[in-house]
PDB file of all heavy atoms in Angstrom:
ATOM      1  N   LEU A   1       9.995  22.801   8.790  1.00  0.00           N
ATOM      2  CA  LEU A   1       8.787  22.466   9.526  1.00  0.00           C
ATOM      3  C   LEU A   1       7.561  22.517   8.694  1.00  0.00           C
ATOM      4  O   LEU A   1       6.700  21.724   8.751  1.00  0.00           O
ATOM      5  CB  LEU A   1       8.645  23.437  10.747  1.00  0.00           C
ATOM      6  CG  LEU A   1       7.408  23.233  11.657  1.00  0.00           C
ATOM      7  CD1 LEU A   1       7.471  21.893  12.219  1.00  0.00           C
ATOM      8  CD2 LEU A   1       7.319  24.239  12.733  1.00  0.00           C
ATOM      9  N   ARG A   2       7.475  23.538   7.864  1.00  0.00           N
ATOM     10  CA  ARG A   2       6.260  23.624   6.958  1.00  0.00           C
ATOM     11  C   ARG A   2       6.234  22.417   5.977  1.00  0.00           C
ATOM     12  O   ARG A   2       5.149  21.861   5.834  1.00  0.00           O
ATOM     13  CB  ARG A   2       6.334  24.939   6.130  1.00  0.00           C
ATOM     14  CG  ARG A   2       5.239  25.085   5.141  1.00  0.00           C
ATOM     15  CD  ARG A   2       5.316  26.394   4.393  1.00  0.00           C
ATOM     16  NE  ARG A   2       4.311  26.491   3.389  1.00  0.00           N
ATOM     17  CZ  ARG A   2       3.082  26.955   3.632  1.00  0.00           C
ATOM     18  NH1 ARG A   2       2.774  27.275   4.880  1.00  0.00           N
ATOM     19  NH2 ARG A   2       2.172  27.040   2.698  1.00  0.00           N
ATOM     20  N   MET A   3       7.381  22.011   5.468  1.00  0.00           N
ATOM     21  CA  MET A   3       7.378  20.823   4.628  1.00  0.00           C
ATOM     22  C   MET A   3       7.018  19.554   5.409  1.00  0.00           C
ATOM     23  O   MET A   3       6.281  18.699   4.926  1.00  0.00           O
ATOM     24  CB  MET A   3       8.805  20.636   3.933  1.00  0.00           C
ATOM     25  CG  MET A   3       9.091  21.727   2.969  1.00  0.00           C
ATOM     26  SD  MET A   3       7.900  21.701   1.563  1.00  0.00           S
ATOM     27  CE  MET A   3       8.166  20.022   0.956  1.00  0.00           C
ATOM     28  N   MET A   4       7.501  19.504   6.598  1.00  0.00           N
ATOM     29  CA  MET A   4       7.146  18.252   7.444  1.00  0.00           C
ATOM     30  C   MET A   4       5.662  18.314   7.681  1.00  0.00           C
ATOM     31  O   MET A   4       5.018  17.225   7.632  1.00  0.00           O
ATOM     32  CB  MET A   4       7.951  18.328   8.707  1.00  0.00           C
ATOM     33  CG  MET A   4       7.676  17.057   9.617  1.00  0.00           C
ATOM     34  SD  MET A   4       8.466  17.210  11.216  1.00  0.00           S
ATOM     35  CE  MET A   4       7.368  18.395  11.997  1.00  0.00           C
ATOM     36  N   HIS A   5       5.060  19.441   7.953  1.00  0.00           N
ATOM     37  CA  HIS A   5       3.619  19.480   8.195  1.00  0.00           C
ATOM     38  C   HIS A   5       2.843  19.064   6.989  1.00  0.00           C
ATOM     39  O   HIS A   5       1.853  18.357   7.041  1.00  0.00           O
ATOM     40  CB  HIS A   5       3.215  20.884   8.671  1.00  0.00           C
ATOM     41  CG  HIS A   5       1.806  21.053   8.994  1.00  0.00           C
ATOM     42  ND1 HIS A   5       1.223  20.440  10.071  1.00  0.00           N
ATOM     43  CD2 HIS A   5       0.778  21.694   8.350  1.00  0.00           C
ATOM     44  CE1 HIS A   5      -0.077  20.729  10.131  1.00  0.00           C
ATOM     45  NE2 HIS A   5      -0.342  21.562   9.104  1.00  0.00           N
ATOM     46  N   VAL A   6       3.332  19.483   5.848  1.00  0.00           N
ATOM     47  CA  VAL A   6       2.679  19.135   4.549  1.00  0.00           C
ATOM     48  C   VAL A   6       2.644  17.634   4.413  1.00  0.00           C
ATOM     49  O   VAL A   6       1.757  17.048   3.944  1.00  0.00           O
ATOM     50  CB  VAL A   6       3.274  19.885   3.372  1.00  0.00           C
ATOM     51  CG1 VAL A   6       2.807  19.303   2.107  1.00  0.00           C
ATOM     52  CG2 VAL A   6       2.975  21.341   3.440  1.00  0.00           C
ATOM     53  N   VAL A   7       3.902  17.073   4.709  1.00  0.00           N
ATOM     54  CA  VAL A   7       4.025  15.604   4.576  1.00  0.00           C
ATOM     55  C   VAL A   7       2.990  14.943   5.530  1.00  0.00           C
ATOM     56  O   VAL A   7       2.340  13.898   5.124  1.00  0.00           O
ATOM     57  CB  VAL A   7       5.504  15.254   4.890  1.00  0.00           C
ATOM     58  CG1 VAL A   7       5.571  13.658   5.037  1.00  0.00           C
ATOM     59  CG2 VAL A   7       6.359  15.660   3.787  1.00  0.00           C
ATOM     60  N   PHE A   8       2.887  15.364   6.730  1.00  0.00           N
ATOM     61  CA  PHE A   8       1.977  14.724   7.688  1.00  0.00           C
ATOM     62  C   PHE A   8       0.492  14.836   7.134  1.00  0.00           C
ATOM     63  O   PHE A   8      -0.212  13.802   7.210  1.00  0.00           O
ATOM     64  CB  PHE A   8       2.041  15.391   9.019  1.00  0.00           C
ATOM     65  CG  PHE A   8       2.996  14.669   9.965  1.00  0.00           C
ATOM     66  CD1 PHE A   8       4.378  14.803   9.895  1.00  0.00           C
ATOM     67  CD2 PHE A   8       2.492  13.848  10.986  1.00  0.00           C
ATOM     68  CE1 PHE A   8       5.241  14.117  10.701  1.00  0.00           C
ATOM     69  CE2 PHE A   8       3.383  13.175  11.834  1.00  0.00           C
ATOM     70  CZ  PHE A   8       4.720  13.294  11.703  1.00  0.00           C
ATOM     71  N   VAL A   9       0.111  16.001   6.660  1.00  0.00           N
ATOM     72  CA  VAL A   9      -1.228  16.174   6.206  1.00  0.00           C
ATOM     73  C   VAL A   9      -1.482  15.322   4.938  1.00  0.00           C
ATOM     74  O   VAL A   9      -2.536  14.674   4.887  1.00  0.00           O
ATOM     75  CB  VAL A   9      -1.508  17.666   5.938  1.00  0.00           C
ATOM     76  CG1 VAL A   9      -2.882  17.807   5.241  1.00  0.00           C
ATOM     77  CG2 VAL A   9      -1.467  18.544   7.149  1.00  0.00           C
ATOM     78  N   ALA A  10      -0.482  15.304   4.061  1.00  0.00           N
ATOM     79  CA  ALA A  10      -0.647  14.434   2.872  1.00  0.00           C
ATOM     80  C   ALA A  10      -0.697  12.982   3.325  1.00  0.00           C
ATOM     81  O   ALA A  10      -1.566  12.210   2.717  1.00  0.00           O
ATOM     82  CB  ALA A  10       0.507  14.636   1.923  1.00  0.00           C
ATOM     83  N   ALA A  11      -0.061  12.614   4.280  1.00  0.00           N
ATOM     84  CA  ALA A  11      -0.044  11.216   4.670  1.00  0.00           C
ATOM     85  C   ALA A  11      -1.427  10.825   5.269  1.00  0.00           C
ATOM     86  O   ALA A  11      -1.926   9.727   5.023  1.00  0.00           O
ATOM     87  CB  ALA A  11       0.989  10.953   5.753  1.00  0.00           C
ATOM     88  N   VAL A  12      -2.096  11.733   6.037  1.00  0.00           N
ATOM     89  CA  VAL A  12      -3.332  11.423   6.591  1.00  0.00           C
ATOM     90  C   VAL A  12      -4.410  11.303   5.469  1.00  0.00           C
ATOM     91  O   VAL A  12      -5.252  10.477   5.552  1.00  0.00           O
ATOM     92  CB  VAL A  12      -3.806  12.405   7.662  1.00  0.00           C
ATOM     93  CG1 VAL A  12      -4.304  13.788   7.086  1.00  0.00           C
ATOM     94  CG2 VAL A  12      -4.946  11.822   8.502  1.00  0.00           C
ATOM     95  N   VAL A  13      -4.283  12.113   4.422  1.00  0.00           N
ATOM     96  CA  VAL A  13      -5.170  12.020   3.329  1.00  0.00           C
ATOM     97  C   VAL A  13      -5.096  10.712   2.620  1.00  0.00           C
ATOM     98  O   VAL A  13      -6.027   9.934   2.361  1.00  0.00           O
ATOM     99  CB  VAL A  13      -4.983  13.165   2.352  1.00  0.00           C
ATOM    100  CG1 VAL A  13      -5.821  12.902   1.077  1.00  0.00           C
ATOM    101  CG2 VAL A  13      -5.380  14.477   3.005  1.00  0.00           C
ATOM    102  N   LEU A  14      -3.791  10.248   2.402  1.00  0.00           N
ATOM    103  CA  LEU A  14      -3.561   8.970   1.750  1.00  0.00           C
ATOM    104  C   LEU A  14      -3.992   7.810   2.656  1.00  0.00           C
ATOM    105  O   LEU A  14      -4.572   6.863   2.203  1.00  0.00           O
ATOM    106  CB  LEU A  14      -2.116   8.818   1.417  1.00  0.00           C
ATOM    107  CG  LEU A  14      -1.559   9.716   0.266  1.00  0.00           C
ATOM    108  CD1 LEU A  14      -0.111   9.658   0.182  1.00  0.00           C
ATOM    109  CD2 LEU A  14      -2.192   9.268  -1.083  1.00  0.00           C
ATOM    110  N   PHE A  15      -3.767   7.976   3.937  1.00  0.00           N
ATOM    111  CA  PHE A  15      -4.007   6.961   4.919  1.00  0.00           C
ATOM    112  C   PHE A  15      -5.612   6.753   4.974  1.00  0.00           C
ATOM    113  O   PHE A  15      -6.038   5.612   4.878  1.00  0.00           O
ATOM    114  CB  PHE A  15      -3.609   7.391   6.287  1.00  0.00           C
ATOM    115  CG  PHE A  15      -4.322   6.724   7.468  1.00  0.00           C
ATOM    116  CD1 PHE A  15      -4.008   5.422   7.791  1.00  0.00           C
ATOM    117  CD2 PHE A  15      -5.096   7.493   8.268  1.00  0.00           C
ATOM    118  CE1 PHE A  15      -4.615   4.866   8.871  1.00  0.00           C
ATOM    119  CE2 PHE A  15      -5.828   6.919   9.304  1.00  0.00           C
ATOM    120  CZ  PHE A  15      -5.559   5.603   9.665  1.00  0.00           C
ATOM    121  N   LEU A  16      -6.347   7.776   4.982  1.00  0.00           N
ATOM    122  CA  LEU A  16      -7.836   7.642   4.997  1.00  0.00           C
ATOM    123  C   LEU A  16      -8.308   7.137   3.648  1.00  0.00           C
ATOM    124  O   LEU A  16      -9.252   6.247   3.616  1.00  0.00           O
ATOM    125  CB  LEU A  16      -8.484   9.003   5.305  1.00  0.00           C
ATOM    126  CG  LEU A  16      -8.171   9.512   6.672  1.00  0.00           C
ATOM    127  CD1 LEU A  16      -8.664  11.036   6.757  1.00  0.00           C
ATOM    128  CD2 LEU A  16      -8.906   8.744   7.693  1.00  0.00           C
ATOM    129  N   PHE A  17      -7.724   7.473   2.542  1.00  0.00           N
ATOM    130  CA  PHE A  17      -8.253   7.024   1.272  1.00  0.00           C
ATOM    131  C   PHE A  17      -7.837   5.594   1.080  1.00  0.00           C
ATOM    132  O   PHE A  17      -8.678   4.772   0.491  1.00  0.00           O
ATOM    133  CB  PHE A  17      -7.500   7.928   0.178  1.00  0.00           C
ATOM    134  CG  PHE A  17      -7.895   7.491  -1.224  1.00  0.00           C
ATOM    135  CD1 PHE A  17      -9.131   7.878  -1.715  1.00  0.00           C
ATOM    136  CD2 PHE A  17      -7.094   6.705  -1.983  1.00  0.00           C
ATOM    137  CE1 PHE A  17      -9.496   7.474  -2.991  1.00  0.00           C
ATOM    138  CE2 PHE A  17      -7.471   6.287  -3.297  1.00  0.00           C
ATOM    139  CZ  PHE A  17      -8.698   6.747  -3.792  1.00  0.00           C
ATOM    140  N   ALA A  18      -6.686   5.170   1.566  1.00  0.00           N
ATOM    141  CA  ALA A  18      -6.256   3.802   1.312  1.00  0.00           C
ATOM    142  C   ALA A  18      -6.765   2.770   2.323  1.00  0.00           C
ATOM    143  O   ALA A  18      -6.624   1.598   2.230  1.00  0.00           O
ATOM    144  CB  ALA A  18      -4.739   3.738   1.301  1.00  0.00           C
ATOM    145  N   GLY A  19      -7.406   3.304   3.359  1.00  0.00           N
ATOM    146  CA  GLY A  19      -7.982   2.332   4.339  1.00  0.00           C
ATOM    147  C   GLY A  19      -7.043   1.927   5.425  1.00  0.00           C
ATOM    148  O   GLY A  19      -7.169   0.842   5.982  1.00  0.00           O
ATOM    149  N   GLY A  20      -6.120   2.787   5.739  1.00  0.00           N
ATOM    150  CA  GLY A  20      -5.215   2.431   6.888  1.00  0.00           C
ATOM    151  C   GLY A  20      -4.342   1.280   6.740  1.00  0.00           C
ATOM    152  O   GLY A  20      -3.331   1.307   5.899  1.00  0.00           O
ATOM    153  N   ALA A  21      -4.627   0.207   7.420  1.00  0.00           N
ATOM    154  CA  ALA A  21      -3.675  -0.953   7.484  1.00  0.00           C
ATOM    155  C   ALA A  21      -3.495  -1.570   6.150  1.00  0.00           C
ATOM    156  O   ALA A  21      -2.492  -2.114   5.831  1.00  0.00           O
ATOM    157  CB  ALA A  21      -4.287  -2.034   8.504  1.00  0.00           C
ATOM    158  N   GLN A  22      -4.523  -1.514   5.262  1.00  0.00           N
ATOM    159  CA  GLN A  22      -4.371  -2.102   3.976  1.00  0.00           C
ATOM    160  C   GLN A  22      -3.255  -1.443   3.100  1.00  0.00           C
ATOM    161  O   GLN A  22      -2.716  -2.045   2.236  1.00  0.00           O
ATOM    162  CB  GLN A  22      -5.680  -1.973   3.201  1.00  0.00           C
ATOM    163  CG  GLN A  22      -6.854  -2.826   3.799  1.00  0.00           C
ATOM    164  CD  GLN A  22      -8.132  -2.684   2.999  1.00  0.00           C
ATOM    165  OE1 GLN A  22      -8.133  -2.020   1.981  1.00  0.00           O
ATOM    166  NE2 GLN A  22      -9.156  -3.393   3.479  1.00  0.00           N
ATOM    167  N   ALA A  23      -2.981  -0.237   3.474  1.00  0.00           N
ATOM    168  CA  ALA A  23      -1.938   0.516   2.773  1.00  0.00           C
ATOM    169  C   ALA A  23      -0.508   0.018   3.047  1.00  0.00           C
ATOM    170  O   ALA A  23       0.429   0.328   2.434  1.00  0.00           O
ATOM    171  CB  ALA A  23      -1.959   1.952   3.051  1.00  0.00           C
ATOM    172  N   GLN A  24      -0.464  -0.954   4.092  1.00  0.00           N
ATOM    173  CA  GLN A  24       0.883  -1.365   4.498  1.00  0.00           C
ATOM    174  C   GLN A  24       1.379  -2.661   3.822  1.00  0.00           C
ATOM    175  O   GLN A  24       2.207  -3.327   4.378  1.00  0.00           O
ATOM    176  CB  GLN A  24       0.919  -1.511   6.048  1.00  0.00           C
ATOM    177  CG  GLN A  24       0.996  -0.187   6.763  1.00  0.00           C
ATOM    178  CD  GLN A  24       2.067   0.590   6.276  1.00  0.00           C
ATOM    179  OE1 GLN A  24       3.268   0.221   6.284  1.00  0.00           O
ATOM    180  NE2 GLN A  24       1.867   1.896   5.833  1.00  0.00           N
ATOM    181  N   SER A  25       0.732  -2.991   2.759  1.00  0.00           N
ATOM    182  CA  SER A  25       1.213  -4.159   2.066  1.00  0.00           C
ATOM    183  C   SER A  25       2.651  -3.959   1.610  1.00  0.00           C
ATOM    184  O   SER A  25       3.017  -2.910   1.159  1.00  0.00           O
ATOM    185  CB  SER A  25       0.348  -4.448   0.821  1.00  0.00           C
ATOM    186  OG  SER A  25       0.353  -3.354  -0.057  1.00  0.00           O
ATOM    187  N   GLY A  26       3.480  -4.965   1.860  1.00  0.00           N
ATOM    188  CA  GLY A  26       4.935  -4.780   1.497  1.00  0.00           C
ATOM    189  C   GLY A  26       5.706  -4.513   2.724  1.00  0.00           C
ATOM    190  O   GLY A  26       6.945  -4.628   2.634  1.00  0.00           O
ATOM    191  N   GLY A  27       5.123  -4.247   3.891  1.00  0.00           N
ATOM    192  CA  GLY A  27       5.838  -3.980   5.046  1.00  0.00           C
ATOM    193  C   GLY A  27       6.157  -5.402   5.767  1.00  0.00           C
ATOM    194  O   GLY A  27       5.754  -6.420   5.288  1.00  0.00           O
ATOM    195  N   THR A  28       6.857  -5.248   6.848  1.00  0.00           N
ATOM    196  CA  THR A  28       7.305  -6.471   7.567  1.00  0.00           C
ATOM    197  C   THR A  28       6.747  -6.436   8.998  1.00  0.00           C
ATOM    198  O   THR A  28       6.874  -5.461   9.711  1.00  0.00           O
ATOM    199  CB  THR A  28       8.801  -6.541   7.625  1.00  0.00           C
ATOM    200  OG1 THR A  28       9.336  -6.571   6.294  1.00  0.00           O
ATOM    201  CG2 THR A  28       9.260  -7.813   8.386  1.00  0.00           C
ATOM    202  N   MET A  29       6.118  -7.533   9.380  1.00  0.00           N
ATOM    203  CA  MET A  29       5.687  -7.694  10.779  1.00  0.00           C
ATOM    204  C   MET A  29       6.400  -8.888  11.363  1.00  0.00           C
ATOM    205  O   MET A  29       6.399 -10.004  10.790  1.00  0.00           O
ATOM    206  CB  MET A  29       4.212  -7.980  10.894  1.00  0.00           C
ATOM    207  CG  MET A  29       3.698  -8.198  12.285  1.00  0.00           C
ATOM    208  SD  MET A  29       1.928  -8.590  12.404  1.00  0.00           S
ATOM    209  CE  MET A  29       1.295  -7.015  11.965  1.00  0.00           C
ATOM    210  N   GLN A  30       7.074  -8.662  12.507  1.00  0.00           N
ATOM    211  CA  GLN A  30       7.795  -9.746  13.171  1.00  0.00           C
ATOM    212  C   GLN A  30       7.234  -9.921  14.574  1.00  0.00           C
ATOM    213  O   GLN A  30       7.160  -9.050  15.280  1.00  0.00           O
ATOM    214  CB  GLN A  30       9.270  -9.402  13.217  1.00  0.00           C
ATOM    215  CG  GLN A  30      10.162 -10.472  13.864  1.00  0.00           C
ATOM    216  CD  GLN A  30      10.239 -11.771  13.018  1.00  0.00           C
ATOM    217  OE1 GLN A  30      10.305 -11.703  11.801  1.00  0.00           O
ATOM    218  NE2 GLN A  30      10.192 -12.866  13.723  1.00  0.00           N
ATOM    219  N   LYS A  31       6.848 -11.161  14.860  1.00  0.00           N
ATOM    220  CA  LYS A  31       6.370 -11.482  16.224  1.00  0.00           C
ATOM    221  C   LYS A  31       7.262 -12.610  16.822  1.00  0.00           C
ATOM    222  O   LYS A  31       7.777 -13.404  16.110  1.00  0.00           O
ATOM    223  CB  LYS A  31       4.925 -12.005  16.236  1.00  0.00           C
ATOM    224  CG  LYS A  31       3.887 -10.972  15.700  1.00  0.00           C
ATOM    225  CD  LYS A  31       2.541 -11.567  15.786  1.00  0.00           C
ATOM    226  CE  LYS A  31       1.507 -10.549  15.277  1.00  0.00           C
ATOM    227  NZ  LYS A  31       0.122 -11.161  15.342  1.00  0.00           N
ATOM    228  N   GLY A  32       7.374 -12.556  18.140  1.00  0.00           N
ATOM    229  CA  GLY A  32       8.243 -13.637  18.763  1.00  0.00           C
ATOM    230  C   GLY A  32       8.130 -13.561  20.256  1.00  0.00           C
ATOM    231  O   GLY A  32       7.262 -12.845  20.780  1.00  0.00           O
ATOM    232  N   MET A  33       8.919 -14.294  20.933  1.00  0.00           N
ATOM    233  CA  MET A  33       8.958 -14.382  22.356  1.00  0.00           C
ATOM    234  C   MET A  33      10.365 -14.200  22.880  1.00  0.00           C
ATOM    235  O   MET A  33      11.352 -14.709  22.318  1.00  0.00           O
ATOM    236  CB  MET A  33       8.383 -15.749  22.796  1.00  0.00           C
ATOM    237  CG  MET A  33       8.270 -15.873  24.299  1.00  0.00           C
ATOM    238  SD  MET A  33       7.397 -17.432  24.833  1.00  0.00           S
ATOM    239  CE  MET A  33       5.767 -17.095  24.223  1.00  0.00           C
ATOM    240  N   LEU A  34      10.554 -13.456  23.953  1.00  0.00           N
ATOM    241  CA  LEU A  34      11.796 -13.201  24.591  1.00  0.00           C
ATOM    242  C   LEU A  34      12.118 -14.373  25.554  1.00  0.00           C
ATOM    243  O   LEU A  34      11.273 -15.186  25.749  1.00  0.00           O
ATOM    244  CB  LEU A  34      11.783 -11.906  25.345  1.00  0.00           C
ATOM    245  CG  LEU A  34      11.443 -10.628  24.595  1.00  0.00           C
ATOM    246  CD1 LEU A  34      11.450  -9.392  25.514  1.00  0.00           C
ATOM    247  CD2 LEU A  34      12.436 -10.430  23.389  1.00  0.00           C
ATOM    248  N   LEU A  35      13.342 -14.440  26.013  1.00  0.00           N
ATOM    249  CA  LEU A  35      13.753 -15.572  26.815  1.00  0.00           C
ATOM    250  C   LEU A  35      12.941 -15.667  28.147  1.00  0.00           C
ATOM    251  O   LEU A  35      12.774 -16.796  28.635  1.00  0.00           O
ATOM    252  CB  LEU A  35      15.275 -15.402  27.149  1.00  0.00           C
ATOM    253  CG  LEU A  35      16.240 -15.594  26.021  1.00  0.00           C
ATOM    254  CD1 LEU A  35      17.659 -15.322  26.457  1.00  0.00           C
ATOM    255  CD2 LEU A  35      16.090 -16.956  25.396  1.00  0.00           C
ATOM    256  N   ASP A  36      12.384 -14.532  28.603  1.00  0.00           N
ATOM    257  CA  ASP A  36      11.630 -14.644  29.845  1.00  0.00           C
ATOM    258  C   ASP A  36      10.142 -14.851  29.648  1.00  0.00           C
ATOM    259  O   ASP A  36       9.359 -14.832  30.566  1.00  0.00           O
ATOM    260  CB  ASP A  36      11.861 -13.308  30.695  1.00  0.00           C
ATOM    261  CG  ASP A  36      11.387 -12.089  29.964  1.00  0.00           C
ATOM    262  OD1 ASP A  36      10.827 -12.182  28.859  1.00  0.00           O
ATOM    263  OD2 ASP A  36      11.517 -11.017  30.542  1.00  0.00           O
ATOM    264  N   GLY A  37       9.756 -15.078  28.350  1.00  0.00           N
ATOM    265  CA  GLY A  37       8.410 -15.359  28.077  1.00  0.00           C
ATOM    266  C   GLY A  37       7.595 -14.203  27.591  1.00  0.00           C
ATOM    267  O   GLY A  37       6.474 -14.384  27.135  1.00  0.00           O
ATOM    268  N   ALA A  38       8.161 -13.029  27.583  1.00  0.00           N
ATOM    269  CA  ALA A  38       7.478 -11.828  27.138  1.00  0.00           C
ATOM    270  C   ALA A  38       7.341 -11.965  25.587  1.00  0.00           C
ATOM    271  O   ALA A  38       8.289 -12.420  24.863  1.00  0.00           O
ATOM    272  CB  ALA A  38       8.180 -10.544  27.503  1.00  0.00           C
ATOM    273  N   LYS A  39       6.193 -11.568  25.033  1.00  0.00           N
ATOM    274  CA  LYS A  39       6.022 -11.499  23.614  1.00  0.00           C
ATOM    275  C   LYS A  39       6.452 -10.157  23.043  1.00  0.00           C
ATOM    276  O   LYS A  39       6.350  -9.169  23.768  1.00  0.00           O
ATOM    277  CB  LYS A  39       4.522 -11.787  23.268  1.00  0.00           C
ATOM    278  CG  LYS A  39       4.049 -13.226  23.755  1.00  0.00           C
ATOM    279  CD  LYS A  39       2.613 -13.370  23.547  1.00  0.00           C
ATOM    280  CE  LYS A  39       1.788 -12.594  24.469  1.00  0.00           C
ATOM    281  NZ  LYS A  39       1.865 -13.218  25.926  1.00  0.00           N
TER     282      LYS A  39
END
């Protein structure tokens, strides 16, 4: 648990430093529509 907490805290520091969404370059975003019209 202590290690997991350290990871979370480290992640927030990196997240704030990197500007949040900009840090997600290289990830995948998939959008689409279901058969009933839901997105």
